[in-house]
Amino acid sequence: MAFEPGKPVSGAAALRAGFEAFAAVTPVFHYDRGHDVMISGDVAVHAVDNPYGDHPLTATH
């Protein structure tokens, strides 16, 4: 997992710290080209259509 470009982290403590920092900014995401969520049991995958192309994914807080 990388919370910053080029700076991957691993291990429970580092992952927990990264997700806590991310959640602390209370982001609001805007998906300009749509998105899907697929759930099976306790696993979910969030697929976003071309988030870095002509219509970027943006987040605000």
Protein backbone atom coordinates (compact mmCIF):
# COMPACT_ATOMS: atom_id res chain seq x y z
CA MET A 1 0.00 0.00 0.00
CA ALA A 2 1.26 3.51 -0.76
CA PHE A 3 -0.35 6.51 0.89
CA GLU A 4 2.13 8.84 -0.83
CA PRO A 5 3.55 8.39 -4.36
CA GLY A 6 6.73 6.34 -4.31
CA LYS A 7 6.57 5.61 -0.57
CA PRO A 8 5.10 2.13 -0.05
CA VAL A 9 4.47 0.93 3.50
CA SER A 10 3.84 -2.49 5.03
CA GLY A 11 3.03 -3.95 8.40
CA ALA A 12 -0.04 -3.54 10.54
CA ALA A 13 1.14 -0.45 12.43
CA ALA A 14 2.17 1.46 9.29
CA LEU A 15 -1.04 0.54 7.46
CA ARG A 16 -3.18 1.53 10.44
CA ALA A 17 -1.38 4.89 10.71
CA GLY A 18 -1.82 5.57 7.00
CA PHE A 19 -5.54 4.79 6.99
CA GLU A 20 -6.08 6.82 10.17
CA ALA A 21 -4.33 9.83 8.61
CA PHE A 22 -6.38 9.44 5.42
CA ALA A 23 -9.67 9.19 7.34
CA ALA A 24 -8.77 12.23 9.46
CA VAL A 25 -9.10 14.56 6.47
CA THR A 26 -12.68 13.29 5.86
CA PRO A 27 -12.37 13.25 2.08
CA VAL A 28 -15.37 13.57 -0.23
CA PHE A 29 -14.81 11.87 -3.59
CA HIS A 30 -16.38 12.88 -6.90
CA TYR A 31 -16.46 10.21 -9.60
CA ASP A 32 -17.05 12.08 -12.85
CA ARG A 33 -17.31 8.96 -15.01
CA GLY A 34 -19.05 6.54 -12.65
CA HIS A 35 -17.99 3.73 -10.37
CA ASP A 36 -19.03 0.25 -9.26
CA VAL A 37 -18.78 -1.56 -5.95
CA MET A 38 -18.71 -5.37 -5.95
CA ILE A 39 -19.24 -7.13 -2.61
CA SER A 40 -18.77 -10.81 -1.81
CA GLY A 41 -18.94 -11.78 1.84
CA ASP A 42 -16.55 -9.54 3.75
CA VAL A 43 -14.57 -8.42 0.67
CA ALA A 44 -15.43 -5.39 -1.47
CA VAL A 45 -13.81 -3.99 -4.61
CA HIS A 46 -14.39 -0.40 -5.70
CA ALA A 47 -13.80 0.08 -9.44
CA VAL A 48 -13.56 3.60 -10.87
CA ASP A 49 -13.71 4.29 -14.60
CA ASN A 50 -10.42 5.88 -15.76
CA PRO A 51 -9.72 7.99 -12.67
CA TYR A 52 -6.53 9.55 -14.04
CA GLY A 53 -7.52 10.16 -17.66
CA ASP A 54 -9.42 13.01 -19.26
CA HIS A 55 -11.96 13.05 -16.43
CA PRO A 56 -9.95 12.75 -13.21
CA LEU A 57 -11.08 11.53 -9.83
CA THR A 58 -11.01 14.44 -7.39
CA ALA A 59 -11.27 14.64 -3.62
CA THR A 60 -12.02 17.53 -1.33
CA HIS A 61 -12.23 17.91 2.43
